[in-house]
C-alpha atoms as a PDB file:
ATOM      1  CA  MET A   1      37.123 -23.378  30.039  1.00  0.00           C
ATOM      2  CA  ASN A   2      39.632 -20.782  30.947  1.00  0.00           C
ATOM      3  CA  ASP A   3      38.446 -17.247  31.118  1.00  0.00           C
ATOM      4  CA  ILE A   4      34.928 -16.227  30.773  1.00  0.00           C
ATOM      5  CA  THR A   5      35.667 -13.201  28.331  1.00  0.00           C
ATOM      6  CA  GLU A   6      38.521 -12.897  25.686  1.00  0.00           C
ATOM      7  CA  THR A   7      39.290  -9.917  23.675  1.00  0.00           C
ATOM      8  CA  ARG A   8      41.464 -10.560  20.605  1.00  0.00           C
ATOM      9  CA  PHE A   9      43.098  -7.983  17.868  1.00  0.00           C
ATOM     10  CA  ILE A  10      43.902  -9.401  14.322  1.00  0.00           C
ATOM     11  CA  GLU A  11      45.517  -7.842  11.450  1.00  0.00           C
ATOM     12  CA  ILE A  12      44.248  -9.063   8.091  1.00  0.00           C
ATOM     13  CA  GLU A  13      45.788  -6.879   4.958  1.00  0.00           C
ATOM     14  CA  GLU A  14      47.012  -4.364   7.184  1.00  0.00           C
ATOM     15  CA  ASN A  15      43.569  -3.545   8.958  1.00  0.00           C
ATOM     16  CA  LYS A  16      43.191  -4.259  12.294  1.00  0.00           C
ATOM     17  CA  TYR A  17      40.352  -5.768  13.997  1.00  0.00           C
ATOM     18  CA  GLY A  18      38.461  -5.996  17.548  1.00  0.00           C
ATOM     19  CA  ILE A  19      37.157  -9.660  18.693  1.00  0.00           C
ATOM     20  CA  THR A  20      35.632  -9.662  21.890  1.00  0.00           C
ATOM     21  CA  VAL A  21      33.989 -13.333  23.039  1.00  0.00           C
ATOM     22  CA  VAL A  22      32.282 -14.218  26.108  1.00  0.00           C
ATOM     23  CA  PHE A  23      32.042 -17.596  26.420  1.00  0.00           C
ATOM     24  CA  LEU A  24      28.564 -19.040  28.508  1.00  0.00           C
ATOM     25  CA  GLU A  25      28.117 -22.967  29.469  1.00  0.00           C
ATOM     26  CA  ASN A  26      25.283 -22.896  26.755  1.00  0.00           C
ATOM     27  CA  ALA A  27      26.183 -19.945  24.549  1.00  0.00           C
ATOM     28  CA  ILE A  28      28.759 -17.481  22.997  1.00  0.00           C
ATOM     29  CA  SER A  29      28.468 -13.523  22.315  1.00  0.00           C
ATOM     30  CA  LEU A  30      31.324 -12.514  19.841  1.00  0.00           C
ATOM     31  CA  PHE A  31      31.790  -8.906  18.829  1.00  0.00           C
ATOM     32  CA  ILE A  32      33.510  -7.982  15.739  1.00  0.00           C
ATOM     33  CA  TYR A  33      34.771  -4.232  15.103  1.00  0.00           C
ATOM     34  CA  GLU A  34      37.133  -2.046  13.631  1.00  0.00           C
ATOM     35  CA  GLU A  35      39.220   0.667  15.934  1.00  0.00           C
ATOM     36  CA  SER A  36      37.094   0.784  18.620  1.00  0.00           C
ATOM     37  CA  PRO A  37      34.538  -1.297  20.247  1.00  0.00           C
ATOM     38  CA  ILE A  38      30.903  -0.056  19.009  1.00  0.00           C
ATOM     39  CA  PHE A  39      28.017  -1.927  19.088  1.00  0.00           C
ATOM     40  CA  GLY A  40      26.927  -3.073  15.354  1.00  0.00           C
ATOM     41  CA  THR A  41      24.590  -5.551  13.469  1.00  0.00           C
ATOM     42  CA  PHE A  42      23.182  -7.588  16.517  1.00  0.00           C
ATOM     43  CA  SER A  43      21.839 -10.958  15.785  1.00  0.00           C
ATOM     44  CA  VAL A  44      20.783 -14.156  17.889  1.00  0.00           C
ATOM     45  CA  SER A  45      21.420 -17.530  16.150  1.00  0.00           C
ATOM     46  CA  VAL A  46      20.049 -21.236  17.142  1.00  0.00           C
ATOM     47  CA  PRO A  47      21.930 -24.263  16.057  1.00  0.00           C
ATOM     48  CA  GLY A  48      19.624 -26.493  13.806  1.00  0.00           C
ATOM     49  CA  THR A  49      18.065 -29.920  15.080  1.00  0.00           C
ATOM     50  CA  SER A  50      17.373 -33.108  12.690  1.00  0.00           C
ATOM     51  CA  ILE A  51      13.988 -31.177  11.460  1.00  0.00           C
ATOM     52  CA  MET A  52      15.021 -27.288  11.216  1.00  0.00           C
ATOM     53  CA  PRO A  53      18.427 -25.616  10.238  1.00  0.00           C
ATOM     54  CA  ALA A  54      19.872 -23.732  11.876  1.00  0.00           C
ATOM     55  CA  SER A  55      18.112 -20.027  12.317  1.00  0.00           C
ATOM     56  CA  THR A  56      18.739 -15.940  12.836  1.00  0.00           C
ATOM     57  CA  LEU A  57      16.842 -13.385  14.757  1.00  0.00           C
ATOM     58  CA  TYR A  58      17.844 -10.203  13.634  1.00  0.00           C
ATOM     59  CA  ILE A  59      17.707  -7.967  16.601  1.00  0.00           C
ATOM     60  CA  THR A  60      18.837  -4.858  15.572  1.00  0.00           C
ATOM     61  CA  GLY A  61      20.794  -3.093  12.325  1.00  0.00           C
ATOM     62  CA  SER A  62      20.418  -3.927   8.874  1.00  0.00           C
ATOM     63  CA  LYS A  63      23.902  -3.099   7.332  1.00  0.00           C
ATOM     64  CA  ASN A  64      25.533  -6.406   7.721  1.00  0.00           C
ATOM     65  CA  GLU A  65      22.662  -8.476   8.074  1.00  0.00           C
ATOM     66  CA  GLN A  66      23.671 -11.454   5.948  1.00  0.00           C
ATOM     67  CA  PHE A  67      27.434 -11.820   7.066  1.00  0.00           C
ATOM     68  CA  VAL A  68      26.195 -11.791  11.097  1.00  0.00           C
ATOM     69  CA  ARG A  69      23.757 -14.794   9.688  1.00  0.00           C
ATOM     70  CA  ILE A  70      27.015 -16.598   8.265  1.00  0.00           C
ATOM     71  CA  ILE A  71      29.176 -16.290  11.527  1.00  0.00           C
ATOM     72  CA  GLY A  72      25.945 -17.051  13.868  1.00  0.00           C
ATOM     73  CA  GLU A  73      24.378 -19.829  12.203  1.00  0.00           C
ATOM     74  CA  ARG A  74      28.225 -21.565  11.014  1.00  0.00           C
ATOM     75  CA  LEU A  75      28.902 -21.080  14.857  1.00  0.00           C
ATOM     76  CA  ALA A  76      25.568 -22.172  16.399  1.00  0.00           C
ATOM     77  CA  THR A  77      26.166 -25.337  14.098  1.00  0.00           C
ATOM     78  CA  LYS A  78      29.476 -26.033  15.018  1.00  0.00           C
ATOM     79  CA  LEU A  79      29.309 -25.518  18.645  1.00  0.00           C
ATOM     80  CA  GLN A  80      25.628 -26.449  19.227  1.00  0.00           C
ATOM     81  CA  LYS A  81      25.181 -23.207  21.438  1.00  0.00           C
ATOM     82  CA  LEU A  82      23.295 -19.962  21.026  1.00  0.00           C
ATOM     83  CA  VAL A  83      25.391 -17.533  19.230  1.00  0.00           C
ATOM     84  CA  LEU A  84      24.800 -13.801  20.006  1.00  0.00           C
ATOM     85  CA  VAL A  85      26.850 -11.942  17.318  1.00  0.00           C
ATOM     86  CA  SER A  86      27.249  -8.106  16.724  1.00  0.00           C
ATOM     87  CA  LEU A  87      29.296  -6.846  13.623  1.00  0.00           C
ATOM     88  CA  ASN A  88      30.503  -3.155  12.973  1.00  0.00           C
ATOM     89  CA  ILE A  89      32.888  -3.486  10.195  1.00  0.00           C
ATOM     90  CA  GLU A  90      32.641  -0.642   7.320  1.00  0.00           C
ATOM     91  CA  ASP A  91      33.557  -2.476   3.999  1.00  0.00           C
ATOM     92  CA  ILE A  92      33.293  -6.220   4.775  1.00  0.00           C
ATOM     93  CA  SER A  93      33.236  -8.865   2.157  1.00  0.00           C
ATOM     94  CA  GLY A  94      32.850 -12.352   1.704  1.00  0.00           C
ATOM     95  CA  ASP A  95      36.636 -12.685   1.676  1.00  0.00           C
ATOM     96  CA  LEU A  96      37.689 -10.649   4.994  1.00  0.00           C
ATOM     97  CA  LEU A  97      34.633 -12.667   6.494  1.00  0.00           C
ATOM     98  CA  THR A  98      36.295 -15.793   5.306  1.00  0.00           C
ATOM     99  CA  LYS A  99      39.564 -14.783   7.094  1.00  0.00           C
ATOM    100  CA  ILE A 100      37.592 -13.281  10.244  1.00  0.00           C
ATOM    101  CA  MET A 101      36.042 -16.488  10.641  1.00  0.00           C
ATOM    102  CA  SER A 102      38.865 -18.586  10.370  1.00  0.00           C
ATOM    103  CA  LYS A 103      41.191 -16.905  12.821  1.00  0.00           C
ATOM    104  CA  ILE A 104      38.345 -17.012  14.975  1.00  0.00           C
ATOM    105  CA  GLU A 105      37.832 -20.780  14.918  1.00  0.00           C
ATOM    106  CA  SER A 106      41.319 -21.575  14.480  1.00  0.00           C
ATOM    107  CA  GLU A 107      42.949 -19.059  17.372  1.00  0.00           C
ATOM    108  CA  ILE A 108      39.924 -18.375  19.550  1.00  0.00           C
ATOM    109  CA  LEU A 109      37.663 -21.106  19.937  1.00  0.00           C
ATOM    110  CA  GLU A 110      40.283 -24.119  19.289  1.00  0.00           C
ATOM    111  CA  GLU A 111      42.339 -22.342  22.185  1.00  0.00           C
ATOM    112  CA  ASN A 112      39.511 -21.874  24.628  1.00  0.00           C
ATOM    113  CA  LYS A 113      38.238 -25.884  24.242  1.00  0.00           C
ATOM    114  CA  GLU A 114      41.851 -26.651  26.138  1.00  0.00           C
END
């Protein structure tokens, strides 16, 4: 594993988003924001088992709860780790979420495996 914390800025359709990831042995924390780092809708997702699917507990905020659930459960399932997600993006859509997730998975998580 490389550094325990990584911050990247990605540009999608001329908008800039910050992504900070904290890599732990059994978990990752993911903070996604626009402009400046602000704590947003926050959740904890646990990976599924053969009996139960992945699940999410919302800690604070409700504005983006469906999006933090999608991010958290997808990564928890993929990584088989606890995933903490904070999302603070004013106008997020399914299309934007797909683009952000693609960049996170291909540019941050894949590089950190090496």
